[in-house]
Amino acid sequence: MEEGHASWLAFLYELHLGPFTIGPLHVARFAVVPEWAPDAVPFALLCALILGIVSYVGTRRMKLAPRGLQTVLEYAVTGLTNFAQSILGEKLGRAFAPFIGTLFIFILLMNLMGLVPGMKSPTADLNTTAALAIVVFLAVQYFGIRAHGVVGYFKHMVADVLVLPWYLAIALVPFMLVLHLISELVRPLSLAMRLFGNIRGKEVVLGILAGLATLTLALFKLRVGGFEVMGNYVALNAPPAFGAIGLVLSAAIMPLGILMGIIQALVFSLLACLYLSLATEPTAEEV
């Protein structure tokens, strides 16, 4: 096992399954998590497992009058469907709601996982955010081609210049086509870097504040109700409560971390909606 696999889920790198047979298919022995996979992979798998269990438990006994977890899940589905419909319209919004909703919930859970002691946010790893961005990119291209056809999709890219006089259109079509292709390739890069940068920054700030708490408590004697909590006394002219600064700051930034996790999941899902809307909207000829 590589030295870099330092999380408590590192045992998954050593866990193997197989060999076994599924009908005519023979599956050889394989690792649950490949050795080359980053530490974000086990935590992303844990997020997927949590979502799968919650979905199963909440929907295994569906009732006409929902109660408990089914009520929460129905509120979540309704809210995410309304969110998609507000951007894509009623028909497309309902069609894309499962995709957009899955993105939002999965990213949100991964963003918030780093706030739990002993956990890491998978979205603080560029590999995870790049994979999510590639999924969105492929989905946009697929649904765009399905809506317009291959030729129609490329015509859709240059639809703005096709209404110009023919001599201007001939001159501008190659330029607009190249420009549009570059913008399509830049979109997943911006999606990946935006999510990675914000969540990674949150992780760094929380780590610094946790280090500050440990350092200050080690330097100063902190008394609470007459009891020494921890630390060795250092003869410095500082108030005894200074040792709690790191803890207070860490606790204060937790709500900000939660808010940032929600905002980043919302922004990623919102941009995915916009890209799908731009790729599937009908041109003037199709209306």
Protein backbone atom coordinates (compact mmCIF):
# COMPACT_ATOMS: atom_id res chain seq x y z
CA MET A 1 0.00 0.00 0.00
CA GLU A 2 1.26 3.42 -0.91
CA GLU A 3 2.34 5.76 1.84
CA GLY A 4 -0.13 8.40 0.63
CA HIS A 5 -3.18 6.33 1.61
CA ALA A 6 -3.39 7.64 5.16
CA SER A 7 -7.14 7.79 5.75
CA TRP A 8 -9.07 5.35 7.93
CA LEU A 9 -10.63 3.96 4.74
CA ALA A 10 -7.20 2.88 3.46
CA PHE A 11 -8.11 -0.78 4.10
CA LEU A 12 -10.26 -0.63 0.95
CA TYR A 13 -7.06 -0.54 -1.11
CA GLU A 14 -6.15 -3.97 0.27
CA LEU A 15 -9.65 -5.44 0.02
CA HIS A 16 -10.17 -7.72 -2.99
CA LEU A 17 -13.23 -9.44 -4.44
CA GLY A 18 -13.56 -12.43 -6.74
CA PRO A 19 -13.01 -14.42 -8.74
CA PHE A 20 -16.66 -15.25 -9.45
CA THR A 21 -18.96 -16.00 -12.35
CA ILE A 22 -22.11 -14.15 -13.42
CA GLY A 23 -23.81 -16.34 -15.99
CA PRO A 24 -21.40 -16.70 -18.91
CA LEU A 25 -19.21 -13.88 -17.59
CA HIS A 26 -16.14 -14.77 -15.51
CA VAL A 27 -14.88 -11.97 -13.28
CA ALA A 28 -11.25 -12.17 -12.14
CA ARG A 29 -10.06 -11.13 -8.69
CA PHE A 30 -9.96 -7.33 -8.36
CA ALA A 31 -9.33 -4.65 -5.74
CA VAL A 32 -12.31 -2.71 -4.38
CA VAL A 33 -10.24 0.47 -4.80
CA PRO A 34 -7.21 0.33 -7.16
CA GLU A 35 -3.84 1.17 -5.63
CA TRP A 36 -3.38 4.11 -8.01
CA ALA A 37 -6.69 5.76 -6.99
CA PRO A 38 -6.41 8.88 -4.79
CA ASP A 39 -7.71 9.02 -1.21
CA ALA A 40 -10.80 10.86 -2.44
CA VAL A 41 -12.15 7.68 -4.08
CA PRO A 42 -13.02 5.76 -0.87
CA PHE A 43 -14.76 8.81 0.56
CA ALA A 44 -16.69 9.37 -2.68
CA LEU A 45 -17.74 5.70 -2.57
CA LEU A 46 -18.82 6.20 1.04
CA CYS A 47 -20.96 9.18 -0.05
CA ALA A 48 -22.56 7.07 -2.79
CA LEU A 49 -23.21 4.27 -0.29
CA ILE A 50 -24.81 6.68 2.20
CA LEU A 51 -27.09 8.12 -0.49
CA GLY A 52 -28.02 4.64 -1.68
CA ILE A 53 -28.91 3.47 1.83
CA VAL A 54 -30.92 6.62 2.60
CA SER A 55 -32.81 6.32 -0.70
CA TYR A 56 -33.56 2.66 -0.10
CA VAL A 57 -34.72 3.14 3.47
CA GLY A 58 -36.85 6.15 2.56
CA THR A 59 -38.59 4.51 -0.40
CA ARG A 60 -38.89 0.81 0.50
CA ARG A 61 -42.36 1.31 2.02
CA MET A 62 -43.88 4.16 0.08
CA LYS A 63 -47.17 5.49 1.44
CA LEU A 64 -49.75 7.81 -0.05
CA ALA A 65 -49.48 9.98 3.06
CA PRO A 66 -45.69 10.26 3.48
CA ARG A 67 -44.09 10.20 6.90
CA GLY A 68 -40.58 10.49 8.28
CA LEU A 69 -37.75 10.06 5.80
CA GLN A 70 -40.14 9.69 2.86
CA THR A 71 -41.40 13.21 3.56
CA VAL A 72 -37.87 14.61 3.55
CA LEU A 73 -37.03 12.84 0.30
CA GLU A 74 -40.24 14.03 -1.38
CA TYR A 75 -39.50 17.61 -0.34
CA ALA A 76 -35.99 17.26 -1.76
CA VAL A 77 -37.24 15.81 -5.07
CA THR A 78 -39.92 18.50 -5.40
CA GLY A 79 -37.47 21.30 -4.63
CA LEU A 80 -34.83 20.05 -7.06
CA THR A 81 -37.44 19.51 -9.78
CA ASN A 82 -38.72 23.07 -9.31
CA PHE A 83 -35.13 24.32 -9.42
CA ALA A 84 -34.46 22.55 -12.74
CA GLN A 85 -37.78 23.69 -14.20
CA SER A 86 -37.11 27.32 -13.27
CA ILE A 87 -34.07 27.26 -15.57
CA LEU A 88 -34.88 24.68 -18.24
CA GLY A 89 -38.63 25.08 -18.46
CA GLU A 90 -41.32 22.66 -17.36
CA LYS A 91 -40.72 19.88 -19.90
CA LEU A 92 -36.92 19.85 -19.98
CA GLY A 93 -36.70 20.60 -16.27
CA ARG A 94 -38.70 17.50 -15.40
CA ALA A 95 -36.63 15.40 -17.81
CA PHE A 96 -33.28 16.62 -16.43
CA ALA A 97 -34.32 16.82 -12.77
CA PRO A 98 -32.93 13.35 -11.87
CA PHE A 99 -29.54 14.23 -13.36
CA ILE A 100 -29.35 17.71 -11.83
CA GLY A 101 -30.73 16.53 -8.49
CA THR A 102 -28.23 13.68 -8.27
CA LEU A 103 -25.37 16.07 -9.03
CA PHE A 104 -26.50 18.53 -6.36
CA ILE A 105 -27.04 16.01 -3.56
CA PHE A 106 -23.88 14.02 -4.33
CA ILE A 107 -21.69 17.14 -4.49
CA LEU A 108 -23.31 18.62 -1.37
CA LEU A 109 -22.62 15.49 0.67
CA MET A 110 -19.00 15.35 -0.54
CA ASN A 111 -18.54 19.05 0.27
CA LEU A 112 -19.83 18.64 3.81
CA MET A 113 -18.00 15.40 4.54
CA GLY A 114 -14.77 17.29 5.29
CA LEU A 115 -16.45 19.01 8.24
CA VAL A 116 -16.77 15.68 10.06
CA PRO A 117 -13.68 14.74 12.12
CA GLY A 118 -11.73 11.95 10.47
CA MET A 119 -13.33 12.58 7.08
CA LYS A 120 -12.11 14.27 3.91
CA SER A 121 -14.08 16.15 1.28
CA PRO A 122 -13.67 14.25 -2.01
CA THR A 123 -14.32 17.52 -3.83
CA ALA A 124 -11.12 18.93 -2.27
CA ASP A 125 -9.33 16.65 -4.76
CA LEU A 126 -9.05 17.83 -8.36
CA ASN A 127 -9.54 14.27 -9.61
CA THR A 128 -13.08 14.23 -8.20
CA THR A 129 -14.12 17.63 -9.52
CA ALA A 130 -12.60 16.87 -12.92
CA ALA A 131 -14.59 13.62 -13.11
CA LEU A 132 -17.80 15.48 -12.25
CA ALA A 133 -17.06 18.16 -14.84
CA ILE A 134 -16.38 15.54 -17.52
CA VAL A 135 -19.72 13.87 -16.74
CA VAL A 136 -21.49 17.22 -17.24
CA PHE A 137 -19.53 17.89 -20.44
CA LEU A 138 -20.44 14.49 -21.94
CA ALA A 139 -24.08 14.88 -20.89
CA VAL A 140 -24.31 18.31 -22.54
CA GLN A 141 -22.85 17.00 -25.81
CA TYR A 142 -25.06 13.91 -25.79
CA PHE A 143 -28.31 15.74 -25.13
CA GLY A 144 -27.36 18.53 -27.56
CA ILE A 145 -26.76 16.03 -30.38
CA ARG A 146 -29.92 14.12 -29.47
CA ALA A 147 -31.96 17.32 -29.64
CA HIS A 148 -30.57 18.64 -32.93
CA GLY A 149 -28.74 15.77 -34.63
CA VAL A 150 -25.01 15.82 -35.38
CA VAL A 151 -25.18 18.33 -38.24
CA GLY A 152 -27.90 20.34 -36.53
CA TYR A 153 -25.82 20.57 -33.35
CA PHE A 154 -22.94 22.18 -35.23
CA LYS A 155 -25.40 24.48 -36.98
CA HIS A 156 -26.77 25.33 -33.55
CA MET A 157 -23.29 26.49 -32.52
CA VAL A 158 -23.16 29.06 -35.32
CA ALA A 159 -26.88 29.87 -35.49
CA ASP A 160 -26.28 33.55 -34.64
CA VAL A 161 -24.21 34.20 -37.77
CA LEU A 162 -26.38 32.18 -40.16
CA VAL A 163 -28.98 34.97 -40.16
CA LEU A 164 -26.41 37.43 -41.56
CA PRO A 165 -25.90 38.01 -45.31
CA TRP A 166 -24.27 34.99 -46.98
CA TYR A 167 -20.91 36.67 -47.56
CA LEU A 168 -20.62 37.61 -43.87
CA ALA A 169 -21.83 34.19 -42.74
CA ILE A 170 -19.20 32.41 -44.85
CA ALA A 171 -16.48 34.56 -43.33
CA LEU A 172 -17.68 34.26 -39.73
CA VAL A 173 -18.84 30.63 -39.51
CA PRO A 174 -15.32 29.10 -39.19
CA PHE A 175 -14.34 31.67 -36.58
CA MET A 176 -17.55 31.17 -34.55
CA LEU A 177 -17.28 27.40 -34.79
CA VAL A 178 -13.72 27.38 -33.43
CA LEU A 179 -14.65 29.88 -30.72
CA HIS A 180 -17.64 27.80 -29.67
CA LEU A 181 -15.60 24.59 -29.57
CA ILE A 182 -13.01 26.29 -27.36
CA SER A 183 -15.74 27.52 -25.00
CA GLU A 184 -17.18 24.00 -24.80
CA LEU A 185 -13.76 22.65 -23.77
CA VAL A 186 -13.16 25.45 -21.26
CA ARG A 187 -16.46 24.84 -19.45
CA PRO A 188 -15.47 21.57 -17.75
CA LEU A 189 -12.12 23.09 -16.79
CA SER A 190 -13.83 26.04 -15.11
CA LEU A 191 -16.35 23.76 -13.39
CA ALA A 192 -13.61 21.53 -12.00
CA MET A 193 -11.29 24.33 -10.87
CA ARG A 194 -14.04 26.43 -9.27
CA LEU A 195 -15.37 23.59 -7.12
CA PHE A 196 -11.90 22.28 -6.26
CA GLY A 197 -10.51 25.72 -5.34
CA ASN A 198 -13.36 26.69 -3.04
CA ILE A 199 -13.61 23.38 -1.19
CA ARG A 200 -9.84 22.99 -0.96
CA GLY A 201 -9.59 26.50 0.44
CA LYS A 202 -12.21 25.67 3.06
CA GLU A 203 -10.24 22.56 4.06
CA VAL A 204 -7.01 24.55 4.37
CA VAL A 205 -8.63 27.24 6.53
CA LEU A 206 -10.20 24.66 8.85
CA GLY A 207 -6.86 22.87 9.11
CA ILE A 208 -5.06 26.09 10.03
CA LEU A 209 -7.61 26.93 12.70
CA ALA A 210 -7.46 23.42 14.13
CA GLY A 211 -3.66 23.74 14.27
CA LEU A 212 -4.01 27.10 15.98
CA ALA A 213 -6.28 25.54 18.60
CA THR A 214 -3.80 22.74 19.30
CA LEU A 215 -0.83 25.09 19.45
CA THR A 216 -2.40 27.66 21.73
CA LEU A 217 -3.80 25.04 24.11
CA ALA A 218 -0.32 23.54 24.34
CA LEU A 219 1.26 26.90 25.14
CA PHE A 220 -1.18 28.27 27.68
CA LYS A 221 -2.93 26.97 30.75
CA LEU A 222 -6.69 27.08 30.12
CA ARG A 223 -8.85 27.02 33.23
CA VAL A 224 -12.57 26.23 33.00
CA GLY A 225 -14.45 26.11 36.29
CA GLY A 226 -11.19 25.76 38.21
CA PHE A 227 -9.95 22.76 36.21
CA GLU A 228 -6.91 22.76 33.96
CA VAL A 229 -8.14 21.45 30.63
CA MET A 230 -4.78 20.74 29.01
CA GLY A 231 -1.44 22.29 28.13
CA ASN A 232 1.76 23.30 29.86
CA TYR A 233 2.05 26.70 31.39
CA VAL A 234 4.41 29.05 29.61
CA ALA A 235 5.34 32.25 31.38
CA LEU A 236 4.01 34.67 28.80
CA ASN A 237 2.01 37.80 29.38
CA ALA A 238 -1.15 36.52 27.70
CA PRO A 239 -4.64 35.99 29.05
CA PRO A 240 -5.44 32.38 30.01
CA ALA A 241 -8.45 32.32 27.65
CA PHE A 242 -6.14 32.84 24.66
CA GLY A 243 -5.79 29.06 24.40
CA ALA A 244 -9.44 28.84 23.32
CA ILE A 245 -9.04 31.19 20.35
CA GLY A 246 -8.42 28.40 17.87
CA LEU A 247 -11.38 26.40 19.15
CA VAL A 248 -13.69 29.40 18.98
CA LEU A 249 -12.57 30.27 15.46
CA SER A 250 -12.94 26.65 14.35
CA ALA A 251 -16.47 26.51 15.74
CA ALA A 252 -17.32 29.88 14.20
CA ILE A 253 -16.18 28.87 10.74
CA MET A 254 -18.15 25.61 10.71
CA PRO A 255 -21.43 27.34 9.69
CA LEU A 256 -19.47 29.16 6.97
CA GLY A 257 -18.11 25.81 5.78
CA ILE A 258 -21.63 24.41 5.60
CA LEU A 259 -22.85 27.50 3.74
CA MET A 260 -19.95 27.30 1.28
CA GLY A 261 -20.64 23.61 0.67
CA ILE A 262 -24.28 24.36 -0.15
CA ILE A 263 -23.41 27.32 -2.37
CA GLN A 264 -20.77 25.42 -4.35
CA ALA A 265 -23.11 22.47 -4.95
CA LEU A 266 -25.81 24.92 -6.05
CA VAL A 267 -23.44 26.81 -8.39
CA PHE A 268 -22.21 23.59 -10.01
CA SER A 269 -25.78 22.37 -10.56
CA LEU A 270 -26.90 25.78 -11.81
CA LEU A 271 -24.12 25.91 -14.40
CA ALA A 272 -24.93 22.35 -15.49
CA CYS A 273 -28.55 23.47 -16.02
CA LEU A 274 -27.44 26.49 -18.05
CA TYR A 275 -25.14 24.40 -20.25
CA LEU A 276 -27.92 21.88 -20.89
CA SER A 277 -30.33 24.70 -21.69
CA LEU A 278 -27.93 26.29 -24.19
CA ALA A 279 -27.23 22.93 -25.86
CA THR A 280 -30.86 21.83 -26.21
CA GLU A 281 -32.71 25.08 -26.89
CA PRO A 282 -34.34 25.12 -30.34
CA THR A 283 -32.93 27.37 -33.04
CA ALA A 284 -35.01 29.87 -35.01
CA GLU A 285 -35.47 27.29 -37.80
CA GLU A 286 -36.69 24.63 -35.36
CA VAL A 287 -39.25 26.84 -33.61
